[in-house]
Amino acid sequence: MMDHMTPQQKAAMGIAAPKTYKMCVKEKDLNKSWTEGDDNCRWKIVKSTSSDLEIHGTACRAGDGEMDVKIHALDSEHVRATLHGTGNEQGSNVTINGDYTGKWMGAACPADLK
């Protein structure tokens, strides 16, 4: 049903429009943990194959939260990821959900992303 809604209808319901980000990942970045900056989160690999990575995190940023991340390489240039987390922060229940897509843009970083 949401696929048939206009952006204005979605906004009226509080459904945010997808956001696009561009970033440059350099070779040195591949050796860093992508969870860097969240030292409290303990990660466990649930599944790891040549095309899929599933991890589960506990004691993450949302207080006593848990986080599940699934990353799937669709092909050599495209990835899709989902994220689901729950927790309790300052007495409030918190739920985090996200759907992400990624596309390889090229071998060199554009000048505006260096």
N, C-alpha and C. Protein backbone atom coordinates (compact mmCIF):
# COMPACT_ATOMS: atom_id res chain seq x y z
N MET A 1 0.82 -1.19 0.00
CA MET A 1 0.00 0.00 0.00
C MET A 1 0.87 1.26 0.00
N MET A 2 1.98 1.22 0.75
CA MET A 2 2.84 2.40 0.81
C MET A 2 3.46 2.73 -0.53
N ASP A 3 3.66 1.71 -1.37
CA ASP A 3 4.24 1.95 -2.69
C ASP A 3 3.34 2.84 -3.55
N HIS A 4 2.06 2.89 -3.25
CA HIS A 4 1.12 3.68 -4.04
C HIS A 4 0.87 5.07 -3.45
N MET A 5 1.49 5.37 -2.32
CA MET A 5 1.29 6.67 -1.68
C MET A 5 2.23 7.72 -2.27
N THR A 6 1.78 8.95 -2.30
CA THR A 6 2.63 10.05 -2.75
C THR A 6 3.60 10.42 -1.63
N PRO A 7 4.70 11.11 -1.95
CA PRO A 7 5.60 11.57 -0.90
C PRO A 7 4.89 12.44 0.14
N GLN A 8 3.93 13.24 -0.29
CA GLN A 8 3.19 14.09 0.63
C GLN A 8 2.35 13.26 1.60
N GLN A 9 1.72 12.20 1.10
CA GLN A 9 0.93 11.32 1.97
C GLN A 9 1.82 10.62 2.99
N LYS A 10 2.98 10.17 2.53
CA LYS A 10 3.91 9.51 3.45
C LYS A 10 4.39 10.49 4.52
N ALA A 11 4.71 11.72 4.12
CA ALA A 11 5.17 12.73 5.06
C ALA A 11 4.10 13.03 6.10
N ALA A 12 2.83 13.10 5.66
CA ALA A 12 1.73 13.37 6.58
C ALA A 12 1.59 12.26 7.63
N MET A 13 2.00 11.05 7.28
CA MET A 13 1.94 9.93 8.21
C MET A 13 3.23 9.78 9.01
N GLY A 14 4.19 10.66 8.78
CA GLY A 14 5.46 10.60 9.50
C GLY A 14 6.43 9.58 8.94
N ILE A 15 6.22 9.16 7.71
CA ILE A 15 7.11 8.21 7.06
C ILE A 15 8.16 8.99 6.28
N ALA A 16 9.39 8.88 6.69
CA ALA A 16 10.46 9.66 6.06
C ALA A 16 10.80 9.12 4.67
N ALA A 17 11.18 10.03 3.81
CA ALA A 17 11.62 9.66 2.47
C ALA A 17 13.01 9.03 2.56
N PRO A 18 13.33 8.11 1.66
CA PRO A 18 14.68 7.52 1.67
C PRO A 18 15.74 8.61 1.50
N LYS A 19 16.88 8.42 2.16
CA LYS A 19 17.98 9.37 2.06
C LYS A 19 19.12 8.71 1.32
N THR A 20 19.82 9.49 0.53
CA THR A 20 20.95 9.00 -0.24
C THR A 20 22.23 9.60 0.31
N TYR A 21 23.22 8.75 0.55
CA TYR A 21 24.52 9.20 1.02
C TYR A 21 25.58 8.63 0.09
N LYS A 22 26.63 9.39 -0.11
CA LYS A 22 27.78 8.89 -0.86
C LYS A 22 28.98 8.95 0.06
N MET A 23 29.77 7.88 0.03
CA MET A 23 30.99 7.89 0.82
C MET A 23 32.07 7.14 0.06
N CYS A 24 33.28 7.48 0.36
CA CYS A 24 34.42 6.86 -0.30
C CYS A 24 35.07 5.89 0.69
N VAL A 25 35.12 4.63 0.32
CA VAL A 25 35.77 3.61 1.14
C VAL A 25 37.11 3.29 0.49
N LYS A 26 38.17 3.59 1.22
CA LYS A 26 39.52 3.36 0.71
C LYS A 26 40.06 2.04 1.26
N GLU A 27 41.13 1.56 0.67
CA GLU A 27 41.70 0.27 1.08
C GLU A 27 42.00 0.24 2.57
N LYS A 28 42.54 1.34 3.12
CA LYS A 28 42.86 1.38 4.55
C LYS A 28 41.60 1.26 5.42
N ASP A 29 40.45 1.68 4.88
CA ASP A 29 39.20 1.58 5.62
C ASP A 29 38.70 0.14 5.74
N LEU A 30 39.12 -0.72 4.83
CA LEU A 30 38.65 -2.10 4.84
C LEU A 30 39.19 -2.90 6.02
N ASN A 31 40.28 -2.42 6.61
CA ASN A 31 40.88 -3.12 7.74
C ASN A 31 40.36 -2.61 9.09
N LYS A 32 39.49 -1.59 9.08
CA LYS A 32 38.92 -1.06 10.31
C LYS A 32 37.60 -1.75 10.59
N SER A 33 37.30 -1.89 11.85
CA SER A 33 36.01 -2.46 12.23
C SER A 33 34.92 -1.46 11.87
N TRP A 34 33.86 -1.92 11.23
CA TRP A 34 32.76 -1.01 10.87
C TRP A 34 31.94 -0.64 12.09
N THR A 35 32.19 -1.31 13.22
CA THR A 35 31.50 -0.98 14.46
C THR A 35 32.33 -0.02 15.30
N GLU A 36 33.39 0.51 14.74
CA GLU A 36 34.26 1.42 15.47
C GLU A 36 33.45 2.57 16.06
N GLY A 37 33.74 2.93 17.30
CA GLY A 37 33.02 4.02 17.93
C GLY A 37 31.93 3.55 18.88
N ASP A 38 31.63 2.26 18.89
CA ASP A 38 30.66 1.71 19.82
C ASP A 38 31.35 0.57 20.58
N ASP A 39 32.23 0.96 21.49
CA ASP A 39 33.05 -0.01 22.21
C ASP A 39 32.24 -0.88 23.16
N ASN A 40 31.02 -0.46 23.53
CA ASN A 40 30.22 -1.24 24.46
C ASN A 40 29.49 -2.40 23.80
N CYS A 41 29.29 -2.33 22.51
CA CYS A 41 28.52 -3.35 21.79
C CYS A 41 29.38 -4.59 21.59
N ARG A 42 28.84 -5.75 21.97
CA ARG A 42 29.55 -7.01 21.77
C ARG A 42 28.90 -7.73 20.58
N TRP A 43 29.71 -8.00 19.55
CA TRP A 43 29.18 -8.56 18.31
C TRP A 43 29.52 -10.04 18.20
N LYS A 44 28.58 -10.80 17.67
CA LYS A 44 28.78 -12.22 17.40
C LYS A 44 28.37 -12.49 15.96
N ILE A 45 29.24 -13.16 15.22
CA ILE A 45 28.91 -13.52 13.84
C ILE A 45 27.94 -14.69 13.86
N VAL A 46 26.78 -14.50 13.24
CA VAL A 46 25.76 -15.54 13.15
C VAL A 46 25.96 -16.36 11.89
N LYS A 47 26.28 -15.66 10.79
CA LYS A 47 26.48 -16.33 9.50
C LYS A 47 27.48 -15.51 8.70
N SER A 48 28.39 -16.20 8.02
CA SER A 48 29.36 -15.52 7.18
C SER A 48 29.68 -16.40 5.99
N THR A 49 29.28 -15.94 4.81
CA THR A 49 29.58 -16.65 3.56
C THR A 49 30.19 -15.62 2.60
N SER A 50 30.45 -16.05 1.38
CA SER A 50 31.02 -15.13 0.40
C SER A 50 30.04 -14.02 0.01
N SER A 51 28.75 -14.22 0.25
CA SER A 51 27.77 -13.20 -0.14
C SER A 51 26.90 -12.68 1.01
N ASP A 52 27.00 -13.29 2.19
CA ASP A 52 26.15 -12.90 3.31
C ASP A 52 26.93 -12.76 4.60
N LEU A 53 26.53 -11.75 5.38
CA LEU A 53 27.06 -11.57 6.72
C LEU A 53 25.89 -11.25 7.62
N GLU A 54 25.73 -12.02 8.69
CA GLU A 54 24.71 -11.75 9.69
C GLU A 54 25.41 -11.68 11.03
N ILE A 55 25.16 -10.60 11.77
CA ILE A 55 25.78 -10.44 13.09
C ILE A 55 24.72 -10.02 14.09
N HIS A 56 24.99 -10.35 15.35
CA HIS A 56 24.09 -10.00 16.45
C HIS A 56 24.91 -9.26 17.49
N GLY A 57 24.42 -8.10 17.90
CA GLY A 57 25.11 -7.30 18.89
C GLY A 57 24.29 -7.19 20.16
N THR A 58 24.98 -7.21 21.31
CA THR A 58 24.32 -7.03 22.60
C THR A 58 24.99 -5.90 23.36
N ALA A 59 24.25 -5.31 24.27
CA ALA A 59 24.72 -4.19 25.09
C ALA A 59 25.11 -3.00 24.21
N CYS A 60 24.31 -2.75 23.18
CA CYS A 60 24.62 -1.68 22.23
C CYS A 60 24.18 -0.32 22.75
N ARG A 61 24.27 0.69 21.92
CA ARG A 61 24.04 2.08 22.32
C ARG A 61 22.70 2.34 23.01
N ALA A 62 21.67 1.64 22.63
CA ALA A 62 20.36 1.89 23.23
C ALA A 62 20.27 1.17 24.57
N GLY A 63 21.10 1.57 25.52
CA GLY A 63 21.06 0.99 26.85
C GLY A 63 21.41 -0.48 26.83
N ASP A 64 20.45 -1.31 27.20
CA ASP A 64 20.68 -2.75 27.24
C ASP A 64 20.25 -3.39 25.92
N GLY A 65 20.42 -2.69 24.84
CA GLY A 65 19.86 -3.08 23.55
C GLY A 65 20.53 -4.24 22.87
N GLU A 66 19.81 -4.74 21.87
CA GLU A 66 20.31 -5.78 20.99
C GLU A 66 20.14 -5.30 19.56
N MET A 67 21.04 -5.74 18.69
CA MET A 67 21.02 -5.29 17.31
C MET A 67 21.32 -6.47 16.39
N ASP A 68 20.52 -6.63 15.34
CA ASP A 68 20.78 -7.64 14.32
C ASP A 68 21.01 -6.94 12.99
N VAL A 69 22.09 -7.30 12.32
CA VAL A 69 22.45 -6.71 11.03
C VAL A 69 22.65 -7.85 10.04
N LYS A 70 22.03 -7.69 8.87
CA LYS A 70 22.20 -8.66 7.79
C LYS A 70 22.65 -7.91 6.55
N ILE A 71 23.74 -8.37 5.95
CA ILE A 71 24.28 -7.75 4.73
C ILE A 71 24.35 -8.83 3.66
N HIS A 72 23.80 -8.53 2.49
CA HIS A 72 23.79 -9.49 1.40
C HIS A 72 24.34 -8.83 0.14
N ALA A 73 25.36 -9.44 -0.45
CA ALA A 73 25.91 -8.97 -1.72
C ALA A 73 25.05 -9.55 -2.83
N LEU A 74 24.34 -8.68 -3.53
CA LEU A 74 23.48 -9.12 -4.63
C LEU A 74 24.31 -9.56 -5.83
N ASP A 75 25.39 -8.83 -6.07
CA ASP A 75 26.34 -9.14 -7.13
C ASP A 75 27.63 -8.40 -6.80
N SER A 76 28.55 -8.30 -7.73
CA SER A 76 29.85 -7.67 -7.43
C SER A 76 29.77 -6.16 -7.23
N GLU A 77 28.64 -5.53 -7.52
CA GLU A 77 28.52 -4.08 -7.39
C GLU A 77 27.41 -3.62 -6.45
N HIS A 78 26.54 -4.50 -6.00
CA HIS A 78 25.38 -4.08 -5.20
C HIS A 78 25.26 -4.89 -3.91
N VAL A 79 24.93 -4.19 -2.82
CA VAL A 79 24.66 -4.85 -1.55
C VAL A 79 23.34 -4.34 -0.99
N ARG A 80 22.73 -5.17 -0.19
CA ARG A 80 21.51 -4.79 0.51
C ARG A 80 21.71 -5.19 1.97
N ALA A 81 21.25 -4.33 2.87
CA ALA A 81 21.41 -4.62 4.29
C ALA A 81 20.14 -4.25 5.05
N THR A 82 19.91 -4.97 6.13
CA THR A 82 18.82 -4.64 7.04
C THR A 82 19.39 -4.59 8.45
N LEU A 83 18.74 -3.78 9.26
CA LEU A 83 19.15 -3.60 10.64
C LEU A 83 17.90 -3.59 11.50
N HIS A 84 17.93 -4.30 12.61
CA HIS A 84 16.82 -4.26 13.55
C HIS A 84 17.41 -4.27 14.95
N GLY A 85 16.97 -3.33 15.76
CA GLY A 85 17.47 -3.25 17.11
C GLY A 85 16.38 -2.87 18.09
N THR A 86 16.55 -3.33 19.32
CA THR A 86 15.64 -2.96 20.40
C THR A 86 16.46 -2.63 21.63
N GLY A 87 15.88 -1.86 22.50
CA GLY A 87 16.59 -1.54 23.73
C GLY A 87 15.73 -0.72 24.65
N ASN A 88 16.34 -0.31 25.74
CA ASN A 88 15.67 0.52 26.73
C ASN A 88 16.65 1.60 27.13
N GLU A 89 16.31 2.83 26.83
CA GLU A 89 17.20 3.95 27.14
C GLU A 89 16.44 4.96 27.98
N GLN A 90 16.95 5.24 29.16
CA GLN A 90 16.34 6.19 30.08
C GLN A 90 14.86 5.89 30.32
N GLY A 91 14.55 4.60 30.49
CA GLY A 91 13.19 4.20 30.80
C GLY A 91 12.24 4.11 29.64
N SER A 92 12.71 4.35 28.44
CA SER A 92 11.85 4.27 27.25
C SER A 92 12.30 3.13 26.36
N ASN A 93 11.33 2.38 25.84
CA ASN A 93 11.65 1.33 24.89
C ASN A 93 12.01 1.96 23.55
N VAL A 94 13.04 1.45 22.94
CA VAL A 94 13.55 1.98 21.68
C VAL A 94 13.57 0.86 20.65
N THR A 95 13.07 1.14 19.44
CA THR A 95 13.16 0.19 18.34
C THR A 95 13.81 0.90 17.16
N ILE A 96 14.77 0.24 16.54
CA ILE A 96 15.48 0.80 15.40
C ILE A 96 15.35 -0.19 14.25
N ASN A 97 14.90 0.29 13.10
CA ASN A 97 14.81 -0.53 11.90
C ASN A 97 15.40 0.24 10.74
N GLY A 98 16.09 -0.45 9.87
CA GLY A 98 16.65 0.22 8.71
C GLY A 98 16.83 -0.74 7.55
N ASP A 99 16.65 -0.23 6.36
CA ASP A 99 16.91 -0.96 5.12
C ASP A 99 17.89 -0.12 4.32
N TYR A 100 18.94 -0.74 3.84
CA TYR A 100 20.00 -0.03 3.15
C TYR A 100 20.34 -0.73 1.85
N THR A 101 20.72 0.06 0.87
CA THR A 101 21.26 -0.49 -0.37
C THR A 101 22.57 0.23 -0.66
N GLY A 102 23.47 -0.47 -1.30
CA GLY A 102 24.75 0.13 -1.65
C GLY A 102 25.14 -0.26 -3.06
N LYS A 103 25.88 0.64 -3.71
CA LYS A 103 26.32 0.41 -5.07
C LYS A 103 27.76 0.87 -5.21
N TRP A 104 28.59 0.01 -5.80
CA TRP A 104 29.96 0.37 -6.08
C TRP A 104 29.96 1.42 -7.18
N MET A 105 30.64 2.54 -6.93
CA MET A 105 30.62 3.67 -7.87
C MET A 105 31.83 3.70 -8.79
N GLY A 106 32.95 3.13 -8.39
CA GLY A 106 34.11 3.15 -9.24
C GLY A 106 35.39 2.91 -8.44
N ALA A 107 36.49 2.72 -9.14
CA ALA A 107 37.76 2.40 -8.49
C ALA A 107 38.41 3.61 -7.84
N ALA A 108 38.08 4.82 -8.26
CA ALA A 108 38.68 6.03 -7.70
C ALA A 108 37.61 6.86 -7.00
N CYS A 109 38.03 7.54 -5.93
CA CYS A 109 37.09 8.40 -5.20
C CYS A 109 36.87 9.70 -5.96
N PRO A 110 35.63 10.15 -6.08
CA PRO A 110 35.39 11.46 -6.69
C PRO A 110 36.03 12.56 -5.85
N ALA A 111 36.37 13.65 -6.47
CA ALA A 111 37.05 14.76 -5.79
C ALA A 111 36.26 15.27 -4.59
N ASP A 112 34.93 15.26 -4.66
CA ASP A 112 34.13 15.80 -3.56
C ASP A 112 34.01 14.84 -2.37
N LEU A 113 34.55 13.63 -2.49
CA LEU A 113 34.46 12.66 -1.40
C LEU A 113 35.81 12.24 -0.84
N LYS A 114 36.88 12.87 -1.28
CA LYS A 114 38.22 12.44 -0.83
C LYS A 114 38.50 12.83 0.57
